[in-house]
């Protein structure tokens, strides 16, 4: 009696099943890569420290179309030590870079408040480049119940 499935068919089906199971991992990895590339395109491959930047965003947001964000960088904002630029990035948005702000010592404070759109629950990253080239960042995971930016 002939087997209903031969070895070649079993291998093909197994390979198909494994590739389907790996899709979420590949998709997550590609989002992480896209986010990392977006950050590096602005800040270069600099090592980013986790202090000096505070990213304030609601942990749970009902509507992704208007999410309040506050970015504060601990800096005296003098001509010797000031924040040169602040970037805001989102992992799941179709375009990872949300905002880019350039500052000078005349800005007074390194504080930015705005509203952004988020395409679902995701990591949001704020990075700040100091005038001496150091880069600091903060990461927050925001849960969004009604997504925006859907493509």
C-alpha atoms as a PDB file:
ATOM      1  CA  UNK A   1       0.000   0.000   0.000  1.00  0.00           C
ATOM      2  CA  UNK A   2       1.320   3.425  -0.969  1.00  0.00           C
ATOM      3  CA  UNK A   3       1.799   6.042   1.738  1.00  0.00           C
ATOM      4  CA  UNK A   4      -0.548   9.047   1.310  1.00  0.00           C
ATOM      5  CA  UNK A   5       2.395  11.413   1.711  1.00  0.00           C
ATOM      6  CA  UNK A   6       5.957  10.801   0.583  1.00  0.00           C
ATOM      7  CA  UNK A   7       9.116  12.082   2.172  1.00  0.00           C
ATOM      8  CA  UNK A   8       9.558  14.936  -0.313  1.00  0.00           C
ATOM      9  CA  UNK A   9       6.030  16.236   0.316  1.00  0.00           C
ATOM     10  CA  UNK A  10       6.562  15.962   4.074  1.00  0.00           C
ATOM     11  CA  UNK A  11       9.764  18.025   3.842  1.00  0.00           C
ATOM     12  CA  UNK A  12       8.045  20.688   1.712  1.00  0.00           C
ATOM     13  CA  UNK A  13       5.131  20.959   4.137  1.00  0.00           C
ATOM     14  CA  UNK A  14       7.471  21.087   7.130  1.00  0.00           C
ATOM     15  CA  UNK A  15       9.523  23.850   5.532  1.00  0.00           C
ATOM     16  CA  UNK A  16       6.349  25.805   4.760  1.00  0.00           C
ATOM     17  CA  UNK A  17       5.149  25.442   8.353  1.00  0.00           C
ATOM     18  CA  UNK A  18       8.475  26.618   9.758  1.00  0.00           C
ATOM     19  CA  UNK A  19       8.558  29.643   7.456  1.00  0.00           C
ATOM     20  CA  UNK A  20       5.037  30.642   8.496  1.00  0.00           C
ATOM     21  CA  UNK A  21       5.958  30.313  12.164  1.00  0.00           C
ATOM     22  CA  UNK A  22       9.047  32.484  11.641  1.00  0.00           C
ATOM     23  CA  UNK A  23       7.166  35.358   9.961  1.00  0.00           C
ATOM     24  CA  UNK A  24       6.355  37.258  13.181  1.00  0.00           C
ATOM     25  CA  UNK A  25       9.985  36.974  14.305  1.00  0.00           C
ATOM     26  CA  UNK A  26      11.239  38.215  10.928  1.00  0.00           C
ATOM     27  CA  UNK A  27       8.685  41.054  10.908  1.00  0.00           C
ATOM     28  CA  UNK A  28       9.712  42.091  14.428  1.00  0.00           C
ATOM     29  CA  UNK A  29      13.379  41.945  13.487  1.00  0.00           C
ATOM     30  CA  UNK A  30      12.811  44.049  10.370  1.00  0.00           C
ATOM     31  CA  UNK A  31      10.928  46.687  12.411  1.00  0.00           C
ATOM     32  CA  UNK A  32      13.795  46.770  14.899  1.00  0.00           C
ATOM     33  CA  UNK A  33      16.283  47.094  12.029  1.00  0.00           C
ATOM     34  CA  UNK A  34      14.249  49.880  10.416  1.00  0.00           C
ATOM     35  CA  UNK A  35      14.074  51.742  13.734  1.00  0.00           C
ATOM     36  CA  UNK A  36      17.802  51.297  14.334  1.00  0.00           C
ATOM     37  CA  UNK A  37      18.630  52.483  10.798  1.00  0.00           C
ATOM     38  CA  UNK A  38      16.424  55.553  11.219  1.00  0.00           C
ATOM     39  CA  UNK A  39      18.178  56.484  14.466  1.00  0.00           C
ATOM     40  CA  UNK A  40      21.633  55.836  13.008  1.00  0.00           C
ATOM     41  CA  UNK A  41      20.838  57.891   9.891  1.00  0.00           C
ATOM     42  CA  UNK A  42      20.495  60.951  12.127  1.00  0.00           C
ATOM     43  CA  UNK A  43      22.907  60.202  14.964  1.00  0.00           C
ATOM     44  CA  UNK A  44      25.428  57.826  13.400  1.00  0.00           C
ATOM     45  CA  UNK A  45      26.591  54.644  15.086  1.00  0.00           C
ATOM     46  CA  UNK A  46      27.309  56.493  18.354  1.00  0.00           C
ATOM     47  CA  UNK A  47      26.847  54.618  21.604  1.00  0.00           C
ATOM     48  CA  UNK A  48      23.716  55.950  23.230  1.00  0.00           C
ATOM     49  CA  UNK A  49      23.526  56.254  27.007  1.00  0.00           C
ATOM     50  CA  UNK A  50      20.235  55.913  28.867  1.00  0.00           C
ATOM     51  CA  UNK A  51      20.532  58.948  31.127  1.00  0.00           C
ATOM     52  CA  UNK A  52      19.882  62.678  30.655  1.00  0.00           C
ATOM     53  CA  UNK A  53      16.802  62.171  28.428  1.00  0.00           C
ATOM     54  CA  UNK A  54      13.307  61.874  29.869  1.00  0.00           C
ATOM     55  CA  UNK A  55      10.535  60.763  27.512  1.00  0.00           C
ATOM     56  CA  UNK A  56       7.075  61.250  28.918  1.00  0.00           C
ATOM     57  CA  UNK A  57       4.256  59.507  27.056  1.00  0.00           C
ATOM     58  CA  UNK A  58       1.065  57.907  28.400  1.00  0.00           C
ATOM     59  CA  UNK A  59       1.494  54.180  29.068  1.00  0.00           C
ATOM     60  CA  UNK A  60      -2.017  53.588  27.693  1.00  0.00           C
ATOM     61  CA  UNK A  61      -3.441  55.782  24.941  1.00  0.00           C
ATOM     62  CA  UNK A  62      -6.987  55.407  23.734  1.00  0.00           C
ATOM     63  CA  UNK A  63      -6.480  57.144  20.402  1.00  0.00           C
ATOM     64  CA  UNK A  64      -3.261  56.841  18.365  1.00  0.00           C
ATOM     65  CA  UNK A  65      -4.169  59.894  16.283  1.00  0.00           C
ATOM     66  CA  UNK A  66      -3.134  62.361  19.001  1.00  0.00           C
ATOM     67  CA  UNK A  67      -0.665  61.124  21.607  1.00  0.00           C
ATOM     68  CA  UNK A  68       0.899  63.742  23.917  1.00  0.00           C
ATOM     69  CA  UNK A  69       4.695  63.544  24.187  1.00  0.00           C
ATOM     70  CA  UNK A  70       7.178  65.456  26.314  1.00  0.00           C
ATOM     71  CA  UNK A  71      10.953  65.198  25.840  1.00  0.00           C
ATOM     72  CA  UNK A  72      13.219  66.766  28.434  1.00  0.00           C
ATOM     73  CA  UNK A  73      17.020  66.675  28.280  1.00  0.00           C
ATOM     74  CA  UNK A  74      19.113  67.405  31.354  1.00  0.00           C
ATOM     75  CA  UNK A  75      21.459  70.113  30.060  1.00  0.00           C
ATOM     76  CA  UNK A  76      22.562  73.548  31.287  1.00  0.00           C
ATOM     77  CA  UNK A  77      22.169  74.850  27.694  1.00  0.00           C
ATOM     78  CA  UNK A  78      25.327  76.954  27.868  1.00  0.00           C
ATOM     79  CA  UNK A  79      27.729  77.526  25.001  1.00  0.00           C
ATOM     80  CA  UNK A  80      29.997  74.804  26.484  1.00  0.00           C
ATOM     81  CA  UNK A  81      27.286  72.186  27.102  1.00  0.00           C
ATOM     82  CA  UNK A  82      24.043  72.197  25.141  1.00  0.00           C
ATOM     83  CA  UNK A  83      21.666  69.949  23.241  1.00  0.00           C
ATOM     84  CA  UNK A  84      22.268  70.256  19.517  1.00  0.00           C
ATOM     85  CA  UNK A  85      19.366  68.102  18.280  1.00  0.00           C
ATOM     86  CA  UNK A  86      16.495  65.940  19.483  1.00  0.00           C
ATOM     87  CA  UNK A  87      14.966  63.163  17.395  1.00  0.00           C
ATOM     88  CA  UNK A  88      11.763  61.235  18.020  1.00  0.00           C
ATOM     89  CA  UNK A  89      11.286  57.785  16.482  1.00  0.00           C
ATOM     90  CA  UNK A  90       8.552  55.126  16.496  1.00  0.00           C
ATOM     91  CA  UNK A  91       9.029  51.431  15.789  1.00  0.00           C
ATOM     92  CA  UNK A  92       5.693  50.594  14.104  1.00  0.00           C
ATOM     93  CA  UNK A  93       4.965  53.778  12.154  1.00  0.00           C
ATOM     94  CA  UNK A  94       5.334  53.557   8.353  1.00  0.00           C
ATOM     95  CA  UNK A  95       8.095  56.180   8.637  1.00  0.00           C
ATOM     96  CA  UNK A  96      10.130  55.608  11.801  1.00  0.00           C
ATOM     97  CA  UNK A  97      11.334  59.189  12.211  1.00  0.00           C
ATOM     98  CA  UNK A  98       8.506  61.258  13.657  1.00  0.00           C
ATOM     99  CA  UNK A  99      10.227  64.542  14.473  1.00  0.00           C
ATOM    100  CA  UNK A 100      13.599  66.269  14.347  1.00  0.00           C
ATOM    101  CA  UNK A 101      14.337  69.420  16.327  1.00  0.00           C
ATOM    102  CA  UNK A 102      17.545  71.458  16.349  1.00  0.00           C
ATOM    103  CA  UNK A 103      18.435  73.572  19.365  1.00  0.00           C
ATOM    104  CA  UNK A 104      21.042  76.164  20.309  1.00  0.00           C
ATOM    105  CA  UNK A 105      22.159  77.570  23.676  1.00  0.00           C
ATOM    106  CA  UNK A 106      19.693  80.409  23.040  1.00  0.00           C
ATOM    107  CA  UNK A 107      16.835  77.878  23.232  1.00  0.00           C
ATOM    108  CA  UNK A 108      17.034  78.233  27.005  1.00  0.00           C
ATOM    109  CA  UNK A 109      15.744  74.760  27.907  1.00  0.00           C
ATOM    110  CA  UNK A 110      15.951  71.406  26.194  1.00  0.00           C
ATOM    111  CA  UNK A 111      12.231  70.729  26.473  1.00  0.00           C
ATOM    112  CA  UNK A 112       9.836  69.768  23.687  1.00  0.00           C
ATOM    113  CA  UNK A 113       6.111  69.092  24.010  1.00  0.00           C
ATOM    114  CA  UNK A 114       4.032  67.936  21.073  1.00  0.00           C
ATOM    115  CA  UNK A 115       1.419  65.436  19.907  1.00  0.00           C
ATOM    116  CA  UNK A 116       2.203  62.563  17.558  1.00  0.00           C
ATOM    117  CA  UNK A 117       0.445  59.771  15.705  1.00  0.00           C
ATOM    118  CA  UNK A 118       1.197  56.155  16.547  1.00  0.00           C
ATOM    119  CA  UNK A 119       0.366  53.165  14.366  1.00  0.00           C
ATOM    120  CA  UNK A 120      -0.480  50.880  17.260  1.00  0.00           C
ATOM    121  CA  UNK A 121       1.293  49.771  20.416  1.00  0.00           C
ATOM    122  CA  UNK A 122       5.036  50.190  20.038  1.00  0.00           C
ATOM    123  CA  UNK A 123       8.337  51.453  21.350  1.00  0.00           C
ATOM    124  CA  UNK A 124       8.920  55.183  21.037  1.00  0.00           C
ATOM    125  CA  UNK A 125      12.499  56.467  21.198  1.00  0.00           C
ATOM    126  CA  UNK A 126      13.718  59.979  21.953  1.00  0.00           C
ATOM    127  CA  UNK A 127      17.393  60.657  21.276  1.00  0.00           C
ATOM    128  CA  UNK A 128      19.408  63.792  21.957  1.00  0.00           C
ATOM    129  CA  UNK A 129      22.772  64.766  20.514  1.00  0.00           C
ATOM    130  CA  UNK A 130      24.952  67.037  22.594  1.00  0.00           C
ATOM    131  CA  UNK A 131      27.282  69.651  21.087  1.00  0.00           C
ATOM    132  CA  UNK A 132      30.308  67.457  21.932  1.00  0.00           C
ATOM    133  CA  UNK A 133      28.889  64.493  19.948  1.00  0.00           C
ATOM    134  CA  UNK A 134      27.565  62.406  22.848  1.00  0.00           C
ATOM    135  CA  UNK A 135      24.148  60.858  22.232  1.00  0.00           C
ATOM    136  CA  UNK A 136      21.576  60.037  24.909  1.00  0.00           C
ATOM    137  CA  UNK A 137      18.255  58.275  24.474  1.00  0.00           C
ATOM    138  CA  UNK A 138      15.125  57.140  26.264  1.00  0.00           C
ATOM    139  CA  UNK A 139      12.754  54.354  25.197  1.00  0.00           C
ATOM    140  CA  UNK A 140       9.135  53.945  26.253  1.00  0.00           C
ATOM    141  CA  UNK A 141       6.579  51.325  25.256  1.00  0.00           C
ATOM    142  CA  UNK A 142       3.191  52.915  24.532  1.00  0.00           C
ATOM    143  CA  UNK A 143       0.010  50.867  24.334  1.00  0.00           C
ATOM    144  CA  UNK A 144      -2.466  52.258  21.778  1.00  0.00           C
ATOM    145  CA  UNK A 145      -6.025  50.944  21.583  1.00  0.00           C
ATOM    146  CA  UNK A 146      -7.043  52.724  18.341  1.00  0.00           C
ATOM    147  CA  UNK A 147      -4.159  52.801  15.864  1.00  0.00           C
ATOM    148  CA  UNK A 148      -3.322  55.675  13.531  1.00  0.00           C
ATOM    149  CA  UNK A 149      -0.962  55.754  10.500  1.00  0.00           C
ATOM    150  CA  UNK A 150      -2.303  52.472   9.187  1.00  0.00           C
ATOM    151  CA  UNK A 151      -1.145  51.654   5.675  1.00  0.00           C
END
